[in-house]
Amino acid sequence: PFLKAKNAHETDAAWIERVMTVVDRRDYPVNGHGSWHGGIHIAHTDGGRPFESVRAVADGIVVSVRKSSGIDKRDKAPLNLNVDQPNVKGSDDGYVLLKHETEIGSGEGAKVVFYSLYMHLKSLESTVKIGEKVYRKDPLGTSGMVDAVNAFHFQIFCDDDNISKLTGRKSRELDVSKDGRTDA
């Protein structure tokens, strides 16, 4: 979701870690409160101006958006889960949900639908509107705050039928005695 050039000396793993630094205290898939947390929080470490945009990871259609309630509401309940701790800031509540349709091979079984979710955004681009098409790398908005950390929530998900199309199965078990997909 960020566009940062890979340095010549960097491995792919080091580049991904630098571009998508995960805030580890938020936990995935179950958080410290015992609640489902289906995505990761990516720290935003860019202090430059203008702020680096959070970008679409694939072509898609805007399904849902919410502009942030603003800094004045961010630090009050319900957006601040730590309101009893005066030095802990709250969370921005802006978000963008994109629907992506793609093909991963040939035939009807190769058509896949998945979604990407970008939460805790401080601002949204004026071009991000429900029903509008966005393209991979298009700016969506700017990262906001999550419990006083400059970060945003990022999640990719789909239903069981599309998981089956992607992986060839719906269960965790993988039968390694059989070949994998051959139509990709």
N, C-alpha and C. Protein backbone atom coordinates (compact mmCIF):
# COMPACT_ATOMS: atom_id res chain seq x y z
N PRO A 1 0.79 -1.22 0.00
CA PRO A 1 0.00 0.00 0.00
C PRO A 1 0.83 1.28 0.00
N PHE A 2 2.14 1.17 0.11
CA PHE A 2 3.02 2.32 -0.02
C PHE A 2 3.94 2.11 -1.21
N LEU A 3 4.31 3.18 -1.87
CA LEU A 3 5.24 3.09 -3.00
C LEU A 3 6.59 3.64 -2.56
N LYS A 4 7.46 2.75 -2.24
CA LYS A 4 8.83 3.14 -1.90
C LYS A 4 9.76 2.28 -2.74
N ALA A 5 10.72 2.90 -3.34
CA ALA A 5 11.65 2.17 -4.21
C ALA A 5 12.50 1.21 -3.40
N LYS A 6 12.78 0.09 -4.01
CA LYS A 6 13.66 -0.90 -3.40
C LYS A 6 15.10 -0.46 -3.62
N ASN A 7 15.88 -0.45 -2.56
CA ASN A 7 17.29 -0.11 -2.66
C ASN A 7 18.05 -1.25 -3.33
N ALA A 8 19.08 -0.93 -4.05
CA ALA A 8 19.82 -1.93 -4.82
C ALA A 8 20.37 -3.05 -3.94
N HIS A 9 20.75 -2.76 -2.72
CA HIS A 9 21.35 -3.75 -1.84
C HIS A 9 20.34 -4.55 -1.02
N GLU A 10 19.07 -4.17 -1.07
CA GLU A 10 18.06 -4.80 -0.23
C GLU A 10 17.56 -6.13 -0.78
N THR A 11 17.34 -7.07 0.11
CA THR A 11 16.64 -8.29 -0.27
C THR A 11 15.15 -7.96 -0.37
N ASP A 12 14.40 -8.83 -1.01
CA ASP A 12 12.96 -8.61 -1.08
C ASP A 12 12.35 -8.55 0.32
N ALA A 13 12.78 -9.44 1.21
CA ALA A 13 12.24 -9.47 2.57
C ALA A 13 12.54 -8.18 3.33
N ALA A 14 13.74 -7.66 3.19
CA ALA A 14 14.10 -6.41 3.87
C ALA A 14 13.31 -5.23 3.32
N TRP A 15 13.10 -5.21 2.01
CA TRP A 15 12.32 -4.14 1.40
C TRP A 15 10.88 -4.17 1.88
N ILE A 16 10.26 -5.37 1.88
CA ILE A 16 8.88 -5.51 2.35
C ILE A 16 8.78 -5.06 3.81
N GLU A 17 9.71 -5.44 4.64
CA GLU A 17 9.69 -5.05 6.05
C GLU A 17 9.80 -3.53 6.20
N ARG A 18 10.60 -2.91 5.37
CA ARG A 18 10.76 -1.46 5.44
C ARG A 18 9.51 -0.74 4.94
N VAL A 19 8.91 -1.25 3.90
CA VAL A 19 7.74 -0.61 3.31
C VAL A 19 6.48 -0.91 4.11
N MET A 20 6.38 -2.10 4.67
CA MET A 20 5.19 -2.51 5.41
C MET A 20 5.56 -2.96 6.81
N THR A 21 6.04 -2.04 7.61
CA THR A 21 6.42 -2.37 8.98
C THR A 21 5.16 -2.61 9.80
N VAL A 22 5.00 -3.83 10.27
CA VAL A 22 3.80 -4.21 11.02
C VAL A 22 3.96 -3.81 12.48
N VAL A 23 2.91 -3.17 13.02
CA VAL A 23 2.88 -2.83 14.44
C VAL A 23 2.54 -4.11 15.18
N ASP A 24 3.53 -4.72 15.83
CA ASP A 24 3.36 -6.05 16.39
C ASP A 24 2.44 -6.12 17.60
N ARG A 25 2.25 -5.06 18.33
CA ARG A 25 1.43 -5.14 19.53
C ARG A 25 -0.06 -5.24 19.24
N ARG A 26 -0.47 -5.10 17.99
CA ARG A 26 -1.89 -5.15 17.65
C ARG A 26 -2.39 -6.58 17.45
N ASP A 27 -1.52 -7.51 17.24
CA ASP A 27 -1.84 -8.93 17.12
C ASP A 27 -2.76 -9.25 15.94
N TYR A 28 -2.51 -10.43 15.39
CA TYR A 28 -3.29 -10.98 14.29
C TYR A 28 -3.24 -12.49 14.43
N PRO A 29 -4.27 -13.22 14.35
CA PRO A 29 -5.63 -12.83 14.01
C PRO A 29 -6.51 -12.52 15.22
N VAL A 30 -6.01 -12.74 16.44
CA VAL A 30 -6.80 -12.42 17.64
C VAL A 30 -6.01 -11.41 18.45
N ASN A 31 -6.64 -10.30 18.82
CA ASN A 31 -5.93 -9.26 19.55
C ASN A 31 -5.87 -9.53 21.05
N GLY A 32 -5.22 -8.65 21.78
CA GLY A 32 -5.03 -8.80 23.22
C GLY A 32 -6.32 -8.78 24.01
N HIS A 33 -7.40 -8.29 23.43
CA HIS A 33 -8.71 -8.27 24.10
C HIS A 33 -9.49 -9.55 23.81
N GLY A 34 -8.89 -10.47 23.04
CA GLY A 34 -9.57 -11.71 22.69
C GLY A 34 -10.56 -11.55 21.55
N SER A 35 -10.46 -10.44 20.83
CA SER A 35 -11.36 -10.18 19.70
C SER A 35 -10.68 -10.53 18.38
N TRP A 36 -11.50 -10.91 17.40
CA TRP A 36 -10.98 -11.18 16.06
C TRP A 36 -10.39 -9.90 15.47
N HIS A 37 -9.22 -10.01 14.92
CA HIS A 37 -8.56 -8.87 14.29
C HIS A 37 -7.99 -9.39 12.98
N GLY A 38 -8.77 -9.25 11.90
CA GLY A 38 -8.47 -9.90 10.64
C GLY A 38 -7.46 -9.22 9.75
N GLY A 39 -6.76 -8.23 10.25
CA GLY A 39 -5.77 -7.57 9.42
C GLY A 39 -4.55 -7.20 10.23
N ILE A 40 -3.66 -6.47 9.61
CA ILE A 40 -2.44 -6.01 10.28
C ILE A 40 -2.45 -4.50 10.33
N HIS A 41 -1.73 -3.94 11.27
CA HIS A 41 -1.54 -2.50 11.31
C HIS A 41 -0.14 -2.20 10.78
N ILE A 42 -0.08 -1.35 9.79
CA ILE A 42 1.18 -1.00 9.15
C ILE A 42 1.59 0.38 9.63
N ALA A 43 2.76 0.44 10.24
CA ALA A 43 3.27 1.73 10.73
C ALA A 43 3.59 2.63 9.55
N HIS A 44 3.32 3.89 9.76
CA HIS A 44 3.63 4.88 8.73
C HIS A 44 4.79 5.72 9.26
N THR A 45 5.95 5.49 8.74
CA THR A 45 7.15 6.12 9.28
C THR A 45 7.64 7.29 8.44
N ASP A 46 6.91 7.65 7.42
CA ASP A 46 7.34 8.73 6.54
C ASP A 46 7.04 10.08 7.19
N GLY A 47 8.06 10.84 7.50
CA GLY A 47 7.87 12.16 8.09
C GLY A 47 7.94 13.26 7.06
N GLY A 48 8.00 12.91 5.80
CA GLY A 48 8.16 13.91 4.74
C GLY A 48 6.89 14.66 4.42
N ARG A 49 7.02 15.67 3.63
CA ARG A 49 5.87 16.44 3.17
C ARG A 49 5.88 16.47 1.65
N PRO A 50 4.81 16.27 0.95
CA PRO A 50 3.52 15.91 1.55
C PRO A 50 3.57 14.49 2.09
N PHE A 51 2.61 14.16 2.97
CA PHE A 51 2.58 12.82 3.53
C PHE A 51 2.41 11.79 2.43
N GLU A 52 3.05 10.66 2.60
CA GLU A 52 2.95 9.59 1.62
C GLU A 52 1.53 9.00 1.66
N SER A 53 0.96 8.78 0.51
CA SER A 53 -0.40 8.25 0.42
C SER A 53 -0.44 6.74 0.62
N VAL A 54 -1.54 6.27 1.22
CA VAL A 54 -1.88 4.86 1.22
C VAL A 54 -2.51 4.61 -0.14
N ARG A 55 -2.11 3.51 -0.80
CA ARG A 55 -2.51 3.29 -2.19
C ARG A 55 -3.23 1.96 -2.37
N ALA A 56 -4.05 1.89 -3.40
CA ALA A 56 -4.77 0.66 -3.74
C ALA A 56 -3.77 -0.41 -4.15
N VAL A 57 -3.98 -1.63 -3.67
CA VAL A 57 -3.06 -2.72 -4.00
C VAL A 57 -3.43 -3.42 -5.30
N ALA A 58 -4.63 -3.14 -5.83
CA ALA A 58 -5.06 -3.74 -7.10
C ALA A 58 -6.19 -2.89 -7.68
N ASP A 59 -6.46 -3.07 -8.96
CA ASP A 59 -7.60 -2.40 -9.57
C ASP A 59 -8.88 -2.85 -8.87
N GLY A 60 -9.82 -1.93 -8.70
CA GLY A 60 -11.07 -2.30 -8.06
C GLY A 60 -12.10 -1.20 -8.10
N ILE A 61 -13.19 -1.44 -7.40
CA ILE A 61 -14.32 -0.51 -7.29
C ILE A 61 -14.46 -0.15 -5.81
N VAL A 62 -14.70 1.13 -5.54
CA VAL A 62 -14.92 1.58 -4.16
C VAL A 62 -16.30 1.10 -3.73
N VAL A 63 -16.34 0.28 -2.68
CA VAL A 63 -17.59 -0.28 -2.17
C VAL A 63 -18.14 0.58 -1.03
N SER A 64 -17.25 1.06 -0.18
CA SER A 64 -17.68 1.82 0.99
C SER A 64 -16.54 2.73 1.44
N VAL A 65 -16.90 3.90 1.96
CA VAL A 65 -15.92 4.85 2.49
C VAL A 65 -16.51 5.56 3.70
N ARG A 66 -15.64 6.05 4.54
CA ARG A 66 -16.04 6.97 5.61
C ARG A 66 -14.90 7.94 5.81
N LYS A 67 -15.23 9.22 5.77
CA LYS A 67 -14.24 10.24 6.08
C LYS A 67 -13.98 10.22 7.58
N SER A 68 -12.77 10.55 7.96
CA SER A 68 -12.41 10.58 9.37
C SER A 68 -13.25 11.62 10.11
N SER A 69 -13.59 11.30 11.34
CA SER A 69 -14.36 12.23 12.18
C SER A 69 -13.51 13.42 12.63
N GLY A 70 -12.20 13.32 12.45
CA GLY A 70 -11.31 14.43 12.77
C GLY A 70 -10.58 14.27 14.10
N ILE A 71 -9.56 15.09 14.24
CA ILE A 71 -8.69 15.02 15.41
C ILE A 71 -9.45 15.29 16.70
N ASP A 72 -10.42 16.21 16.68
CA ASP A 72 -11.13 16.55 17.90
C ASP A 72 -11.94 15.37 18.44
N LYS A 73 -12.42 14.47 17.59
CA LYS A 73 -13.18 13.31 18.05
C LYS A 73 -12.30 12.09 18.26
N ARG A 74 -11.13 12.07 17.62
CA ARG A 74 -10.23 10.92 17.70
C ARG A 74 -9.83 10.59 19.13
N ASP A 75 -9.65 11.61 19.96
CA ASP A 75 -9.13 11.38 21.30
C ASP A 75 -10.21 11.20 22.36
N LYS A 76 -11.47 11.08 21.93
CA LYS A 76 -12.58 10.88 22.86
C LYS A 76 -13.23 9.53 22.58
N ALA A 77 -13.93 8.99 23.59
CA ALA A 77 -14.68 7.76 23.38
C ALA A 77 -15.73 8.02 22.31
N PRO A 78 -16.06 7.08 21.47
CA PRO A 78 -15.61 5.70 21.46
C PRO A 78 -14.36 5.45 20.62
N LEU A 79 -13.83 6.49 19.95
CA LEU A 79 -12.65 6.28 19.10
C LEU A 79 -11.38 6.10 19.91
N ASN A 80 -11.37 6.52 21.15
CA ASN A 80 -10.22 6.31 22.02
C ASN A 80 -10.60 5.26 23.04
N LEU A 81 -10.11 4.04 22.83
CA LEU A 81 -10.39 2.95 23.76
C LEU A 81 -9.64 3.12 25.08
N ASN A 82 -8.69 4.03 25.11
CA ASN A 82 -7.85 4.26 26.29
C ASN A 82 -8.13 5.63 26.89
N VAL A 83 -9.39 6.05 26.87
CA VAL A 83 -9.75 7.40 27.32
C VAL A 83 -9.37 7.64 28.78
N ASP A 84 -9.22 6.57 29.57
CA ASP A 84 -8.81 6.71 30.97
C ASP A 84 -7.31 6.97 31.11
N GLN A 85 -6.58 6.90 30.02
CA GLN A 85 -5.14 7.18 30.03
C GLN A 85 -4.92 8.47 29.25
N PRO A 86 -4.77 9.60 29.95
CA PRO A 86 -4.76 10.90 29.28
C PRO A 86 -3.66 11.10 28.25
N ASN A 87 -2.57 10.38 28.32
CA ASN A 87 -1.47 10.57 27.37
C ASN A 87 -1.59 9.69 26.13
N VAL A 88 -2.60 8.82 26.09
CA VAL A 88 -2.76 7.93 24.95
C VAL A 88 -3.82 8.50 24.03
N LYS A 89 -3.44 8.72 22.80
CA LYS A 89 -4.35 9.27 21.80
C LYS A 89 -5.23 8.16 21.24
N GLY A 90 -6.28 8.55 20.55
CA GLY A 90 -7.22 7.60 19.99
C GLY A 90 -6.87 7.16 18.59
N SER A 91 -7.93 6.77 17.87
CA SER A 91 -7.76 6.23 16.53
C SER A 91 -8.59 7.01 15.53
N ASP A 92 -8.03 7.22 14.35
CA ASP A 92 -8.79 7.82 13.26
C ASP A 92 -9.76 6.78 12.72
N ASP A 93 -10.93 7.22 12.26
CA ASP A 93 -11.95 6.28 11.83
C ASP A 93 -12.29 6.34 10.34
N GLY A 94 -11.45 6.98 9.54
CA GLY A 94 -11.67 6.97 8.10
C GLY A 94 -11.30 5.61 7.53
N TYR A 95 -12.04 5.19 6.49
CA TYR A 95 -11.69 3.92 5.86
C TYR A 95 -12.12 3.90 4.40
N VAL A 96 -11.53 2.94 3.66
CA VAL A 96 -11.90 2.67 2.27
C VAL A 96 -11.97 1.16 2.11
N LEU A 97 -13.05 0.67 1.50
CA LEU A 97 -13.21 -0.75 1.19
C LEU A 97 -13.30 -0.88 -0.32
N LEU A 98 -12.42 -1.69 -0.90
CA LEU A 98 -12.38 -1.91 -2.35
C LEU A 98 -12.74 -3.35 -2.68
N LYS A 99 -13.49 -3.52 -3.77
CA LYS A 99 -13.80 -4.85 -4.31
C LYS A 99 -12.96 -5.05 -5.56
N HIS A 100 -12.28 -6.18 -5.61
CA HIS A 100 -11.39 -6.50 -6.72
C HIS A 100 -11.90 -7.75 -7.43
N GLU A 101 -11.92 -7.71 -8.75
CA GLU A 101 -12.26 -8.89 -9.55
C GLU A 101 -11.11 -9.14 -10.50
N THR A 102 -10.64 -10.38 -10.54
CA THR A 102 -9.51 -10.70 -11.38
C THR A 102 -9.63 -12.13 -11.88
N GLU A 103 -8.75 -12.52 -12.76
CA GLU A 103 -8.70 -13.89 -13.25
C GLU A 103 -7.31 -14.44 -12.97
N ILE A 104 -7.27 -15.68 -12.49
CA ILE A 104 -6.00 -16.29 -12.13
C ILE A 104 -5.67 -17.50 -12.99
N GLY A 105 -6.35 -17.63 -14.09
CA GLY A 105 -6.13 -18.74 -15.00
C GLY A 105 -7.16 -18.67 -16.11
N SER A 106 -7.60 -19.83 -16.57
CA SER A 106 -8.59 -19.84 -17.66
C SER A 106 -9.89 -20.48 -17.17
N GLY A 107 -10.97 -20.11 -17.78
CA GLY A 107 -12.27 -20.68 -17.44
C GLY A 107 -12.98 -19.94 -16.33
N GLU A 108 -14.24 -20.32 -16.13
CA GLU A 108 -15.09 -19.67 -15.11
C GLU A 108 -14.51 -19.84 -13.71
N GLY A 109 -13.88 -20.96 -13.44
CA GLY A 109 -13.30 -21.21 -12.12
C GLY A 109 -12.10 -20.34 -11.79
N ALA A 110 -11.62 -19.59 -12.77
CA ALA A 110 -10.45 -18.74 -12.55
C ALA A 110 -10.82 -17.30 -12.18
N LYS A 111 -12.12 -16.99 -12.20
CA LYS A 111 -12.56 -15.64 -11.85
C LYS A 111 -12.67 -15.53 -10.33
N VAL A 112 -11.93 -14.57 -9.77
CA VAL A 112 -11.83 -14.44 -8.33
C VAL A 112 -12.26 -13.04 -7.91
N VAL A 113 -13.00 -12.98 -6.81
CA VAL A 113 -13.40 -11.71 -6.21
C VAL A 113 -12.80 -11.66 -4.80
N PHE A 114 -12.14 -10.56 -4.49
CA PHE A 114 -11.61 -10.36 -3.14
C PHE A 114 -11.74 -8.89 -2.79
N TYR A 115 -11.51 -8.57 -1.54
CA TYR A 115 -11.67 -7.20 -1.03
C TYR A 115 -10.39 -6.77 -0.32
N SER A 116 -10.12 -5.48 -0.37
CA SER A 116 -9.05 -4.92 0.46
C SER A 116 -9.64 -3.78 1.28
N LEU A 117 -9.21 -3.72 2.54
CA LEU A 117 -9.74 -2.76 3.50
C LEU A 117 -8.59 -1.94 4.08
N TYR A 118 -8.77 -0.64 4.10
CA TYR A 118 -7.77 0.30 4.60
C TYR A 118 -8.48 1.14 5.67
N MET A 119 -8.14 0.94 6.94
CA MET A 119 -8.84 1.63 8.03
C MET A 119 -7.88 2.55 8.79
N HIS A 120 -8.45 3.39 9.63
CA HIS A 120 -7.71 4.37 10.43
C HIS A 120 -7.01 5.39 9.54
N LEU A 121 -7.71 5.81 8.50
CA LEU A 121 -7.17 6.83 7.61
C LEU A 121 -7.53 8.21 8.14
N LYS A 122 -6.57 9.11 8.09
CA LYS A 122 -6.79 10.48 8.56
C LYS A 122 -7.52 11.31 7.52
N SER A 123 -7.22 11.07 6.26
CA SER A 123 -7.88 11.81 5.19
C SER A 123 -8.06 10.88 4.00
N LEU A 124 -9.03 11.24 3.14
CA LEU A 124 -9.28 10.49 1.92
C LEU A 124 -9.07 11.40 0.73
N GLU A 125 -8.64 10.82 -0.37
CA GLU A 125 -8.53 11.57 -1.62
C GLU A 125 -9.93 11.94 -2.10
N SER A 126 -10.07 13.08 -2.73
CA SER A 126 -11.38 13.54 -3.21
C SER A 126 -11.93 12.65 -4.31
N THR A 127 -11.07 11.88 -4.97
CA THR A 127 -11.49 11.00 -6.06
C THR A 127 -12.05 9.67 -5.56
N VAL A 128 -11.92 9.39 -4.27
CA VAL A 128 -12.38 8.12 -3.70
C VAL A 128 -13.86 8.26 -3.33
N LYS A 129 -14.72 7.69 -4.20
CA LYS A 129 -16.17 7.79 -4.02
C LYS A 129 -16.80 6.43 -4.31
N ILE A 130 -17.86 6.12 -3.60
CA ILE A 130 -18.55 4.85 -3.79
C ILE A 130 -18.93 4.67 -5.26
N GLY A 131 -18.63 3.47 -5.78
CA GLY A 131 -18.95 3.14 -7.16
C GLY A 131 -17.88 3.51 -8.17
N GLU A 132 -16.90 4.31 -7.75
CA GLU A 132 -15.85 4.74 -8.67
C GLU A 132 -14.76 3.67 -8.80
N LYS A 133 -14.18 3.60 -9.97
CA LYS A 133 -13.07 2.69 -10.25
C LYS A 133 -11.78 3.29 -9.72
N VAL A 134 -10.96 2.45 -9.12
CA VAL A 134 -9.60 2.86 -8.74
C VAL A 134 -8.64 1.85 -9.36
N TYR A 135 -7.45 2.31 -9.61
CA TYR A 135 -6.45 1.46 -10.23
C TYR A 135 -5.32 1.21 -9.24
N ARG A 136 -4.65 0.08 -9.46
CA ARG A 136 -3.50 -0.27 -8.62
C ARG A 136 -2.56 0.93 -8.54
N LYS A 137 -2.14 1.25 -7.35
CA LYS A 137 -1.23 2.34 -7.01
C LYS A 137 -1.91 3.70 -6.90
N ASP A 138 -3.22 3.78 -7.18
CA ASP A 138 -3.92 5.06 -6.99
C ASP A 138 -3.92 5.44 -5.51
N PRO A 139 -3.71 6.71 -5.20
CA PRO A 139 -3.77 7.14 -3.80
C PRO A 139 -5.20 7.09 -3.27
N LEU A 140 -5.35 6.58 -2.05
CA LEU A 140 -6.66 6.49 -1.40
C LEU A 140 -6.81 7.53 -0.30
N GLY A 141 -5.74 7.81 0.42
CA GLY A 141 -5.79 8.75 1.53
C GLY A 141 -4.47 8.71 2.29
N THR A 142 -4.49 9.26 3.50
CA THR A 142 -3.28 9.27 4.32
C THR A 142 -3.51 8.48 5.60
N SER A 143 -2.44 7.86 6.05
CA SER A 143 -2.47 7.08 7.28
C SER A 143 -2.82 7.96 8.47
N GLY A 144 -3.57 7.41 9.38
CA GLY A 144 -3.95 8.14 10.59
C GLY A 144 -3.29 7.55 11.82
N MET A 145 -4.02 7.59 12.91
CA MET A 145 -3.52 7.10 14.20
C MET A 145 -4.33 5.89 14.63
N VAL A 146 -3.64 4.94 15.28
CA VAL A 146 -4.26 3.78 15.91
C VAL A 146 -3.68 3.73 17.32
N ASP A 147 -4.46 4.11 18.33
CA ASP A 147 -3.98 4.12 19.71
C ASP A 147 -2.63 4.81 19.84
N ALA A 148 -2.54 6.01 19.33
CA ALA A 148 -1.37 6.88 19.44
C ALA A 148 -0.19 6.45 18.56
N VAL A 149 -0.38 5.48 17.71
CA VAL A 149 0.66 5.04 16.78
C VAL A 149 0.26 5.49 15.39
N ASN A 150 1.18 6.10 14.66
CA ASN A 150 0.91 6.51 13.29
C ASN A 150 0.92 5.24 12.43
N ALA A 151 -0.29 4.75 12.14
CA ALA A 151 -0.42 3.49 11.42
C ALA A 151 -1.82 3.39 10.82
N PHE A 152 -2.03 2.36 10.01
CA PHE A 152 -3.36 2.08 9.48
C PHE A 152 -3.55 0.58 9.42
N HIS A 153 -4.81 0.17 9.42
CA HIS A 153 -5.20 -1.24 9.36
C HIS A 153 -5.30 -1.64 7.89
N PHE A 154 -4.71 -2.78 7.54
CA PHE A 154 -4.75 -3.28 6.18
C PHE A 154 -5.18 -4.73 6.21
N GLN A 155 -6.14 -5.07 5.34
CA GLN A 155 -6.69 -6.41 5.35
C GLN A 155 -7.13 -6.79 3.95
N ILE A 156 -6.90 -8.04 3.58
CA ILE A 156 -7.39 -8.60 2.32
C ILE A 156 -8.21 -9.83 2.68
N PHE A 157 -9.39 -9.94 2.09
CA PHE A 157 -10.24 -11.08 2.43
C PHE A 157 -11.17 -11.43 1.27
N CYS A 158 -11.72 -12.65 1.34
CA CYS A 158 -12.71 -13.12 0.38
C CYS A 158 -13.51 -14.24 1.03
N ASP A 159 -14.52 -14.75 0.32
CA ASP A 159 -15.34 -15.83 0.88
C ASP A 159 -14.70 -17.19 0.58
N ASP A 160 -15.31 -18.25 1.13
CA ASP A 160 -14.76 -19.60 0.99
C ASP A 160 -14.66 -20.06 -0.46
N ASP A 161 -15.66 -19.71 -1.28
CA ASP A 161 -15.62 -20.14 -2.68
C ASP A 161 -14.41 -19.54 -3.41
N ASN A 162 -14.10 -18.29 -3.12
CA ASN A 162 -12.95 -17.65 -3.77
C ASN A 162 -11.63 -18.15 -3.17
N ILE A 163 -11.62 -18.45 -1.89
CA ILE A 163 -10.41 -19.09 -1.29
C ILE A 163 -10.15 -20.42 -2.00
N SER A 164 -11.21 -21.17 -2.25
CA SER A 164 -11.06 -22.45 -2.93
C SER A 164 -10.49 -22.28 -4.34
N LYS A 165 -10.95 -21.23 -5.03
CA LYS A 165 -10.42 -20.95 -6.37
C LYS A 165 -8.93 -20.59 -6.30
N LEU A 166 -8.56 -19.83 -5.28
CA LEU A 166 -7.17 -19.40 -5.15
C LEU A 166 -6.24 -20.53 -4.73
N THR A 167 -6.69 -21.35 -3.80
CA THR A 167 -5.80 -22.34 -3.20
C THR A 167 -6.10 -23.78 -3.58
N GLY A 168 -7.29 -24.00 -4.16
CA GLY A 168 -7.66 -25.36 -4.51
C GLY A 168 -8.27 -26.13 -3.34
N ARG A 169 -8.53 -25.46 -2.23
CA ARG A 169 -9.12 -26.12 -1.06
C ARG A 169 -9.76 -25.08 -0.15
N LYS A 170 -10.63 -25.55 0.76
CA LYS A 170 -11.26 -24.67 1.74
C LYS A 170 -10.75 -24.97 3.15
N SER A 171 -10.06 -26.07 3.32
CA SER A 171 -9.56 -26.45 4.64
C SER A 171 -8.08 -26.10 4.76
N ARG A 172 -7.58 -26.15 5.98
CA ARG A 172 -6.16 -25.85 6.22
C ARG A 172 -5.25 -26.95 5.70
N GLU A 173 -5.78 -28.18 5.69
CA GLU A 173 -4.96 -29.32 5.32
C GLU A 173 -4.61 -29.28 3.83
N LEU A 174 -3.39 -29.63 3.53
CA LEU A 174 -2.91 -29.64 2.15
C LEU A 174 -2.41 -31.03 1.83
N ASP A 175 -3.02 -31.65 0.85
CA ASP A 175 -2.61 -32.98 0.41
C ASP A 175 -1.41 -32.82 -0.52
N VAL A 176 -0.22 -33.03 0.01
CA VAL A 176 0.99 -32.83 -0.78
C VAL A 176 1.29 -34.01 -1.70
N SER A 177 0.46 -35.06 -1.63
CA SER A 177 0.66 -36.19 -2.54
C SER A 177 0.07 -35.90 -3.92
N LYS A 178 -0.71 -34.81 -4.03
CA LYS A 178 -1.32 -34.44 -5.30
C LYS A 178 -0.67 -33.17 -5.84
N ASP A 179 -0.73 -33.03 -7.17
CA ASP A 179 -0.24 -31.80 -7.78
C ASP A 179 -1.15 -30.65 -7.40
N GLY A 180 -0.60 -29.46 -7.39
CA GLY A 180 -1.37 -28.26 -7.14
C GLY A 180 -2.11 -27.84 -8.39
N ARG A 181 -2.53 -26.61 -8.41
CA ARG A 181 -3.26 -26.09 -9.57
C ARG A 181 -2.40 -26.16 -10.82
N THR A 182 -3.02 -26.47 -11.92
CA THR A 182 -2.29 -26.53 -13.18
C THR A 182 -2.85 -25.52 -14.19
N ASP A 183 -3.89 -24.76 -13.79
CA ASP A 183 -4.51 -23.83 -14.73
C ASP A 183 -4.19 -22.37 -14.41
N ALA A 184 -3.24 -22.13 -13.56
CA ALA A 184 -2.92 -20.75 -13.18
C ALA A 184 -2.04 -20.11 -14.25
